[in-house]
Amino acid sequence: MVRVPLTPADRERGEKLGRLLRDARGARSIGEVAVAAGISPETLRKIETGRIPTPAFFTVAALAVALELPLDRIVRATEPTSGRATA
């Protein structure tokens, strides 16, 4: 399977997602939130630092539940400003 290269908008969205999740995590440890979401701490660390800019929907949904963060807020907060990704 060939992976399509990420666009600048994809990368920007990933960076915004990482910042939002770090802010929502607050003083809680990466390990605590990762366990609550059912993912590894390393996966959460990579998402927060933008090394996984396009995590799977179910990963984001699990993090939203663990952080009590509404999905619509995630969508609004991660809208790219440098251009729209095409479908």
PDB file of N, CA and C in Angstrom:
ATOM      1  N   MET A   1       0.845  -1.175   0.000  1.00  0.00           N
ATOM      2  CA  MET A   1       0.000   0.000   0.000  1.00  0.00           C
ATOM      3  C   MET A   1       0.899   1.249   0.000  1.00  0.00           C
ATOM      4  N   VAL A   2       0.608   2.140  -0.902  1.00  0.00           N
ATOM      5  CA  VAL A   2       1.367   3.378  -1.010  1.00  0.00           C
ATOM      6  C   VAL A   2       0.664   4.453  -0.204  1.00  0.00           C
ATOM      7  N   ARG A   3       1.420   5.138   0.614  1.00  0.00           N
ATOM      8  CA  ARG A   3       0.856   6.231   1.414  1.00  0.00           C
ATOM      9  C   ARG A   3       0.941   7.535   0.659  1.00  0.00           C
ATOM     10  N   VAL A   4      -0.157   8.261   0.647  1.00  0.00           N
ATOM     11  CA  VAL A   4      -0.181   9.570   0.014  1.00  0.00           C
ATOM     12  C   VAL A   4       0.551  10.550   0.929  1.00  0.00           C
ATOM     13  N   PRO A   5       1.452  11.358   0.380  1.00  0.00           N
ATOM     14  CA  PRO A   5       2.168  12.325   1.230  1.00  0.00           C
ATOM     15  C   PRO A   5       1.192  13.291   1.916  1.00  0.00           C
ATOM     16  N   LEU A   6       1.560  13.682   3.116  1.00  0.00           N
ATOM     17  CA  LEU A   6       0.731  14.630   3.859  1.00  0.00           C
ATOM     18  C   LEU A   6       0.858  16.025   3.255  1.00  0.00           C
ATOM     19  N   THR A   7      -0.248  16.735   3.259  1.00  0.00           N
ATOM     20  CA  THR A   7      -0.241  18.116   2.794  1.00  0.00           C
ATOM     21  C   THR A   7       0.175  19.018   3.947  1.00  0.00           C
ATOM     22  N   PRO A   8       0.540  20.255   3.648  1.00  0.00           N
ATOM     23  CA  PRO A   8       0.804  21.201   4.734  1.00  0.00           C
ATOM     24  C   PRO A   8      -0.403  21.350   5.669  1.00  0.00           C
ATOM     25  N   ALA A   9      -1.602  21.292   5.124  1.00  0.00           N
ATOM     26  CA  ALA A   9      -2.807  21.399   5.962  1.00  0.00           C
ATOM     27  C   ALA A   9      -2.916  20.199   6.896  1.00  0.00           C
ATOM     28  N   ASP A  10      -2.565  19.001   6.404  1.00  0.00           N
ATOM     29  CA  ASP A  10      -2.584  17.808   7.262  1.00  0.00           C
ATOM     30  C   ASP A  10      -1.611  17.969   8.427  1.00  0.00           C
ATOM     31  N   ARG A  11      -0.424  18.454   8.118  1.00  0.00           N
ATOM     32  CA  ARG A  11       0.588  18.649   9.162  1.00  0.00           C
ATOM     33  C   ARG A  11       0.141  19.701  10.178  1.00  0.00           C
ATOM     34  N   GLU A  12      -0.440  20.782   9.667  1.00  0.00           N
ATOM     35  CA  GLU A  12      -0.933  21.834  10.561  1.00  0.00           C
ATOM     36  C   GLU A  12      -2.037  21.293  11.466  1.00  0.00           C
ATOM     37  N   ARG A  13      -2.949  20.517  10.899  1.00  0.00           N
ATOM     38  CA  ARG A  13      -4.038  19.936  11.687  1.00  0.00           C
ATOM     39  C   ARG A  13      -3.467  19.030  12.770  1.00  0.00           C
ATOM     40  N   GLY A  14      -2.444  18.249  12.438  1.00  0.00           N
ATOM     41  CA  GLY A  14      -1.808  17.373  13.425  1.00  0.00           C
ATOM     42  C   GLY A  14      -1.150  18.142  14.554  1.00  0.00           C
ATOM     43  N   GLU A  15      -0.490  19.252  14.211  1.00  0.00           N
ATOM     44  CA  GLU A  15       0.138  20.088  15.245  1.00  0.00           C
ATOM     45  C   GLU A  15      -0.919  20.692  16.165  1.00  0.00           C
ATOM     46  N   LYS A  16      -2.024  21.149  15.571  1.00  0.00           N
ATOM     47  CA  LYS A  16      -3.105  21.726  16.385  1.00  0.00           C
ATOM     48  C   LYS A  16      -3.727  20.668  17.282  1.00  0.00           C
ATOM     49  N   LEU A  17      -3.911  19.465  16.758  1.00  0.00           N
ATOM     50  CA  LEU A  17      -4.459  18.374  17.565  1.00  0.00           C
ATOM     51  C   LEU A  17      -3.535  18.083  18.745  1.00  0.00           C
ATOM     52  N   GLY A  18      -2.242  18.015  18.483  1.00  0.00           N
ATOM     53  CA  GLY A  18      -1.289  17.758  19.556  1.00  0.00           C
ATOM     54  C   GLY A  18      -1.347  18.799  20.654  1.00  0.00           C
ATOM     55  N   ARG A  19      -1.394  20.071  20.259  1.00  0.00           N
ATOM     56  CA  ARG A  19      -1.487  21.161  21.262  1.00  0.00           C
ATOM     57  C   ARG A  19      -2.776  21.047  22.063  1.00  0.00           C
ATOM     58  N   LEU A  20      -3.891  20.790  21.374  1.00  0.00           N
ATOM     59  CA  LEU A  20      -5.180  20.677  22.054  1.00  0.00           C
ATOM     60  C   LEU A  20      -5.154  19.538  23.069  1.00  0.00           C
ATOM     61  N   LEU A  21      -4.625  18.389  22.672  1.00  0.00           N
ATOM     62  CA  LEU A  21      -4.580  17.253  23.587  1.00  0.00           C
ATOM     63  C   LEU A  21      -3.666  17.509  24.774  1.00  0.00           C
ATOM     64  N   ARG A  22      -2.505  18.133  24.539  1.00  0.00           N
ATOM     65  CA  ARG A  22      -1.610  18.475  25.653  1.00  0.00           C
ATOM     66  C   ARG A  22      -2.300  19.416  26.627  1.00  0.00           C
ATOM     67  N   ASP A  23      -2.969  20.437  26.083  1.00  0.00           N
ATOM     68  CA  ASP A  23      -3.675  21.392  26.946  1.00  0.00           C
ATOM     69  C   ASP A  23      -4.782  20.700  27.736  1.00  0.00           C
ATOM     70  N   ALA A  24      -5.543  19.831  27.077  1.00  0.00           N
ATOM     71  CA  ALA A  24      -6.648  19.135  27.745  1.00  0.00           C
ATOM     72  C   ALA A  24      -6.132  18.145  28.793  1.00  0.00           C
ATOM     73  N   ARG A  25      -4.969  17.576  28.551  1.00  0.00           N
ATOM     74  CA  ARG A  25      -4.377  16.625  29.501  1.00  0.00           C
ATOM     75  C   ARG A  25      -3.969  17.332  30.783  1.00  0.00           C
ATOM     76  N   GLY A  26      -3.545  18.581  30.672  1.00  0.00           N
ATOM     77  CA  GLY A  26      -3.169  19.368  31.850  1.00  0.00           C
ATOM     78  C   GLY A  26      -2.081  18.701  32.656  1.00  0.00           C
ATOM     79  N   ALA A  27      -2.325  18.536  33.948  1.00  0.00           N
ATOM     80  CA  ALA A  27      -1.325  17.977  34.857  1.00  0.00           C
ATOM     81  C   ALA A  27      -1.307  16.451  34.852  1.00  0.00           C
ATOM     82  N   ARG A  28      -2.259  15.830  34.174  1.00  0.00           N
ATOM     83  CA  ARG A  28      -2.282  14.363  34.122  1.00  0.00           C
ATOM     84  C   ARG A  28      -1.100  13.858  33.303  1.00  0.00           C
ATOM     85  N   SER A  29      -0.591  12.719  33.670  1.00  0.00           N
ATOM     86  CA  SER A  29       0.559  12.156  32.955  1.00  0.00           C
ATOM     87  C   SER A  29       0.116  11.565  31.616  1.00  0.00           C
ATOM     88  N   ILE A  30       1.072  11.464  30.708  1.00  0.00           N
ATOM     89  CA  ILE A  30       0.797  10.819  29.422  1.00  0.00           C
ATOM     90  C   ILE A  30       0.325   9.385  29.662  1.00  0.00           C
ATOM     91  N   GLY A  31       0.984   8.701  30.590  1.00  0.00           N
ATOM     92  CA  GLY A  31       0.614   7.316  30.884  1.00  0.00           C
ATOM     93  C   GLY A  31      -0.812   7.176  31.372  1.00  0.00           C
ATOM     94  N   GLU A  32      -1.213   8.055  32.262  1.00  0.00           N
ATOM     95  CA  GLU A  32      -2.570   8.011  32.822  1.00  0.00           C
ATOM     96  C   GLU A  32      -3.620   8.185  31.720  1.00  0.00           C
ATOM     97  N   VAL A  33      -3.423   9.176  30.865  1.00  0.00           N
ATOM     98  CA  VAL A  33      -4.390   9.448  29.807  1.00  0.00           C
ATOM     99  C   VAL A  33      -4.357   8.339  28.760  1.00  0.00           C
ATOM    100  N   ALA A  34      -3.173   7.866  28.425  1.00  0.00           N
ATOM    101  CA  ALA A  34      -3.057   6.797  27.429  1.00  0.00           C
ATOM    102  C   ALA A  34      -3.786   5.537  27.888  1.00  0.00           C
ATOM    103  N   VAL A  35      -3.570   5.140  29.139  1.00  0.00           N
ATOM    104  CA  VAL A  35      -4.251   3.956  29.669  1.00  0.00           C
ATOM    105  C   VAL A  35      -5.761   4.159  29.635  1.00  0.00           C
ATOM    106  N   ALA A  36      -6.235   5.332  30.017  1.00  0.00           N
ATOM    107  CA  ALA A  36      -7.670   5.611  30.008  1.00  0.00           C
ATOM    108  C   ALA A  36      -8.241   5.531  28.593  1.00  0.00           C
ATOM    109  N   ALA A  37      -7.426   5.874  27.595  1.00  0.00           N
ATOM    110  CA  ALA A  37      -7.881   5.848  26.201  1.00  0.00           C
ATOM    111  C   ALA A  37      -7.622   4.502  25.531  1.00  0.00           C
ATOM    112  N   GLY A  38      -6.891   3.619  26.205  1.00  0.00           N
ATOM    113  CA  GLY A  38      -6.603   2.312  25.628  1.00  0.00           C
ATOM    114  C   GLY A  38      -5.528   2.329  24.548  1.00  0.00           C
ATOM    115  N   ILE A  39      -4.614   3.288  24.639  1.00  0.00           N
ATOM    116  CA  ILE A  39      -3.504   3.365  23.692  1.00  0.00           C
ATOM    117  C   ILE A  39      -2.193   3.375  24.476  1.00  0.00           C
ATOM    118  N   SER A  40      -1.107   3.232  23.773  1.00  0.00           N
ATOM    119  CA  SER A  40       0.184   3.243  24.462  1.00  0.00           C
ATOM    120  C   SER A  40       0.615   4.686  24.750  1.00  0.00           C
ATOM    121  N   PRO A  41       1.378   4.872  25.813  1.00  0.00           N
ATOM    122  CA  PRO A  41       1.903   6.211  26.085  1.00  0.00           C
ATOM    123  C   PRO A  41       2.737   6.747  24.920  1.00  0.00           C
ATOM    124  N   GLU A  42       3.477   5.866  24.246  1.00  0.00           N
ATOM    125  CA  GLU A  42       4.295   6.310  23.116  1.00  0.00           C
ATOM    126  C   GLU A  42       3.419   6.823  21.970  1.00  0.00           C
ATOM    127  N   THR A  43       2.286   6.191  21.733  1.00  0.00           N
ATOM    128  CA  THR A  43       1.372   6.669  20.693  1.00  0.00           C
ATOM    129  C   THR A  43       0.849   8.051  21.053  1.00  0.00           C
ATOM    130  N   LEU A  44       0.438   8.236  22.294  1.00  0.00           N
ATOM    131  CA  LEU A  44      -0.046   9.553  22.716  1.00  0.00           C
ATOM    132  C   LEU A  44       1.073  10.584  22.602  1.00  0.00           C
ATOM    133  N   ARG A  45       2.270  10.233  22.994  1.00  0.00           N
ATOM    134  CA  ARG A  45       3.406  11.156  22.890  1.00  0.00           C
ATOM    135  C   ARG A  45       3.626  11.568  21.427  1.00  0.00           C
ATOM    136  N   LYS A  46       3.542  10.616  20.524  1.00  0.00           N
ATOM    137  CA  LYS A  46       3.733  10.918  19.102  1.00  0.00           C
ATOM    138  C   LYS A  46       2.619  11.799  18.553  1.00  0.00           C
ATOM    139  N   ILE A  47       1.394  11.566  18.988  1.00  0.00           N
ATOM    140  CA  ILE A  47       0.288  12.411  18.544  1.00  0.00           C
ATOM    141  C   ILE A  47       0.482  13.830  19.077  1.00  0.00           C
ATOM    142  N   GLU A  48       0.814  13.939  20.350  1.00  0.00           N
ATOM    143  CA  GLU A  48       0.984  15.262  20.962  1.00  0.00           C
ATOM    144  C   GLU A  48       2.128  16.055  20.337  1.00  0.00           C
ATOM    145  N   THR A  49       3.146  15.374  19.854  1.00  0.00           N
ATOM    146  CA  THR A  49       4.288  16.081  19.268  1.00  0.00           C
ATOM    147  C   THR A  49       4.182  16.214  17.751  1.00  0.00           C
ATOM    148  N   GLY A  50       3.091  15.729  17.172  1.00  0.00           N
ATOM    149  CA  GLY A  50       2.891  15.867  15.734  1.00  0.00           C
ATOM    150  C   GLY A  50       3.581  14.812  14.898  1.00  0.00           C
ATOM    151  N   ARG A  51       4.200  13.821  15.538  1.00  0.00           N
ATOM    152  CA  ARG A  51       4.857  12.758  14.774  1.00  0.00           C
ATOM    153  C   ARG A  51       3.845  11.780  14.191  1.00  0.00           C
ATOM    154  N   ILE A  52       2.623  11.778  14.719  1.00  0.00           N
ATOM    155  CA  ILE A  52       1.498  11.069  14.105  1.00  0.00           C
ATOM    156  C   ILE A  52       0.440  12.148  13.847  1.00  0.00           C
ATOM    157  N   PRO A  53       0.537  12.848  12.715  1.00  0.00           N
ATOM    158  CA  PRO A  53      -0.356  13.974  12.466  1.00  0.00           C
ATOM    159  C   PRO A  53      -1.768  13.578  12.063  1.00  0.00           C
ATOM    160  N   THR A  54      -1.965  12.325  11.646  1.00  0.00           N
ATOM    161  CA  THR A  54      -3.294  11.891  11.232  1.00  0.00           C
ATOM    162  C   THR A  54      -3.653  10.581  11.929  1.00  0.00           C
ATOM    163  N   PRO A  55      -3.875  10.622  13.248  1.00  0.00           N
ATOM    164  CA  PRO A  55      -4.218   9.394  13.964  1.00  0.00           C
ATOM    165  C   PRO A  55      -5.581   8.870  13.522  1.00  0.00           C
ATOM    166  N   ALA A  56      -5.804   7.589  13.750  1.00  0.00           N
ATOM    167  CA  ALA A  56      -7.076   6.959  13.403  1.00  0.00           C
ATOM    168  C   ALA A  56      -8.225   7.622  14.170  1.00  0.00           C
ATOM    169  N   PHE A  57      -9.385   7.632  13.543  1.00  0.00           N
ATOM    170  CA  PHE A  57     -10.564   8.245  14.159  1.00  0.00           C
ATOM    171  C   PHE A  57     -10.840   7.652  15.540  1.00  0.00           C
ATOM    172  N   PHE A  58     -10.780   6.326  15.653  1.00  0.00           N
ATOM    173  CA  PHE A  58     -11.113   5.704  16.933  1.00  0.00           C
ATOM    174  C   PHE A  58     -10.091   6.041  18.014  1.00  0.00           C
ATOM    175  N   THR A  59      -8.869   6.313  17.639  1.00  0.00           N
ATOM    176  CA  THR A  59      -7.867   6.767  18.597  1.00  0.00           C
ATOM    177  C   THR A  59      -8.232   8.158  19.104  1.00  0.00           C
ATOM    178  N   VAL A  60      -8.590   9.043  18.187  1.00  0.00           N
ATOM    179  CA  VAL A  60      -8.984  10.400  18.581  1.00  0.00           C
ATOM    180  C   VAL A  60     -10.250  10.337  19.432  1.00  0.00           C
ATOM    181  N   ALA A  61     -11.201   9.499  19.050  1.00  0.00           N
ATOM    182  CA  ALA A  61     -12.444   9.374  19.820  1.00  0.00           C
ATOM    183  C   ALA A  61     -12.160   8.866  21.229  1.00  0.00           C
ATOM    184  N   ALA A  62     -11.272   7.886  21.365  1.00  0.00           N
ATOM    185  CA  ALA A  62     -10.932   7.358  22.689  1.00  0.00           C
ATOM    186  C   ALA A  62     -10.246   8.423  23.539  1.00  0.00           C
ATOM    187  N   LEU A  63      -9.375   9.203  22.920  1.00  0.00           N
ATOM    188  CA  LEU A  63      -8.728  10.296  23.655  1.00  0.00           C
ATOM    189  C   LEU A  63      -9.750  11.353  24.062  1.00  0.00           C
ATOM    190  N   ALA A  64     -10.696  11.637  23.191  1.00  0.00           N
ATOM    191  CA  ALA A  64     -11.741  12.617  23.516  1.00  0.00           C
ATOM    192  C   ALA A  64     -12.525  12.178  24.749  1.00  0.00           C
ATOM    193  N   VAL A  65     -12.859  10.900  24.811  1.00  0.00           N
ATOM    194  CA  VAL A  65     -13.590  10.379  25.971  1.00  0.00           C
ATOM    195  C   VAL A  65     -12.715  10.472  27.225  1.00  0.00           C
ATOM    196  N   ALA A  66     -11.469  10.034  27.116  1.00  0.00           N
ATOM    197  CA  ALA A  66     -10.565  10.042  28.275  1.00  0.00           C
ATOM    198  C   ALA A  66     -10.327  11.457  28.791  1.00  0.00           C
ATOM    199  N   LEU A  67     -10.326  12.431  27.895  1.00  0.00           N
ATOM    200  CA  LEU A  67     -10.052  13.821  28.276  1.00  0.00           C
ATOM    201  C   LEU A  67     -11.321  14.652  28.461  1.00  0.00           C
ATOM    202  N   GLU A  68     -12.481  13.998  28.294  1.00  0.00           N
ATOM    203  CA  GLU A  68     -13.773  14.696  28.380  1.00  0.00           C
ATOM    204  C   GLU A  68     -13.774  15.905  27.447  1.00  0.00           C
ATOM    205  N   LEU A  69     -13.357  15.658  26.225  1.00  0.00           N
ATOM    206  CA  LEU A  69     -13.199  16.690  25.212  1.00  0.00           C
ATOM    207  C   LEU A  69     -14.187  16.386  24.082  1.00  0.00           C
ATOM    208  N   PRO A  70     -15.191  17.237  23.865  1.00  0.00           N
ATOM    209  CA  PRO A  70     -16.169  16.962  22.805  1.00  0.00           C
ATOM    210  C   PRO A  70     -15.506  16.904  21.421  1.00  0.00           C
ATOM    211  N   LEU A  71     -15.941  15.930  20.622  1.00  0.00           N
ATOM    212  CA  LEU A  71     -15.372  15.782  19.280  1.00  0.00           C
ATOM    213  C   LEU A  71     -15.571  17.029  18.428  1.00  0.00           C
ATOM    214  N   ASP A  72     -16.701  17.706  18.583  1.00  0.00           N
ATOM    215  CA  ASP A  72     -16.909  18.912  17.775  1.00  0.00           C
ATOM    216  C   ASP A  72     -15.898  19.998  18.137  1.00  0.00           C
ATOM    217  N   ARG A  73     -15.463  20.029  19.369  1.00  0.00           N
ATOM    218  CA  ARG A  73     -14.426  20.990  19.758  1.00  0.00           C
ATOM    219  C   ARG A  73     -13.092  20.635  19.091  1.00  0.00           C
ATOM    220  N   ILE A  74     -12.805  19.349  19.008  1.00  0.00           N
ATOM    221  CA  ILE A  74     -11.578  18.912  18.334  1.00  0.00           C
ATOM    222  C   ILE A  74     -11.622  19.318  16.866  1.00  0.00           C
ATOM    223  N   VAL A  75     -12.748  19.100  16.228  1.00  0.00           N
ATOM    224  CA  VAL A  75     -12.882  19.463  14.811  1.00  0.00           C
ATOM    225  C   VAL A  75     -12.661  20.958  14.620  1.00  0.00           C
ATOM    226  N   ARG A  76     -13.331  21.771  15.424  1.00  0.00           N
ATOM    227  CA  ARG A  76     -13.187  23.229  15.292  1.00  0.00           C
ATOM    228  C   ARG A  76     -11.758  23.684  15.568  1.00  0.00           C
ATOM    229  N   ALA A  77     -11.139  23.097  16.576  1.00  0.00           N
ATOM    230  CA  ALA A  77      -9.793  23.527  16.984  1.00  0.00           C
ATOM    231  C   ALA A  77      -8.708  23.089  16.016  1.00  0.00           C
ATOM    232  N   THR A  78      -8.995  22.129  15.163  1.00  0.00           N
ATOM    233  CA  THR A  78      -7.961  21.616  14.271  1.00  0.00           C
ATOM    234  C   THR A  78      -8.174  22.021  12.814  1.00  0.00           C
ATOM    235  N   GLU A  79      -9.083  22.934  12.565  1.00  0.00           N
ATOM    236  CA  GLU A  79      -9.273  23.416  11.191  1.00  0.00           C
ATOM    237  C   GLU A  79      -7.991  24.059  10.702  1.00  0.00           C
ATOM    238  N   PRO A  80      -7.532  23.660   9.520  1.00  0.00           N
ATOM    239  CA  PRO A  80      -6.301  24.264   8.986  1.00  0.00           C
ATOM    240  C   PRO A  80      -6.529  25.702   8.545  1.00  0.00           C
ATOM    241  N   THR A  81      -5.511  26.523   8.705  1.00  0.00           N
ATOM    242  CA  THR A  81      -5.608  27.905   8.243  1.00  0.00           C
ATOM    243  C   THR A  81      -4.781  28.117   6.996  1.00  0.00           C
ATOM    244  N   SER A  82      -3.872  27.175   6.704  1.00  0.00           N
ATOM    245  CA  SER A  82      -2.979  27.355   5.552  1.00  0.00           C
ATOM    246  C   SER A  82      -3.558  26.800   4.268  1.00  0.00           C
ATOM    247  N   GLY A  83      -4.770  26.341   4.300  1.00  0.00           N
ATOM    248  CA  GLY A  83      -5.390  25.799   3.093  1.00  0.00           C
ATOM    249  C   GLY A  83      -6.192  24.565   3.444  1.00  0.00           C
ATOM    250  N   ARG A  84      -7.119  24.260   2.620  1.00  0.00           N
ATOM    251  CA  ARG A  84      -7.989  23.124   2.850  1.00  0.00           C
ATOM    252  C   ARG A  84      -7.427  21.867   2.199  1.00  0.00           C
ATOM    253  N   ALA A  85      -7.574  20.756   2.901  1.00  0.00           N
ATOM    254  CA  ALA A  85      -7.202  19.467   2.310  1.00  0.00           C
ATOM    255  C   ALA A  85      -8.326  19.060   1.366  1.00  0.00           C
ATOM    256  N   THR A  86      -8.003  18.448   0.282  1.00  0.00           N
ATOM    257  CA  THR A  86      -9.017  18.018  -0.668  1.00  0.00           C
ATOM    258  C   THR A  86      -9.397  16.575  -0.410  1.00  0.00           C
ATOM    259  N   ALA A  87     -10.635  16.254  -0.699  1.00  0.00           N
ATOM    260  CA  ALA A  87     -11.122  14.881  -0.458  1.00  0.00           C
ATOM    261  C   ALA A  87     -10.827  13.994  -1.635  1.00  0.00           C
TER     262      ALA A  87
END
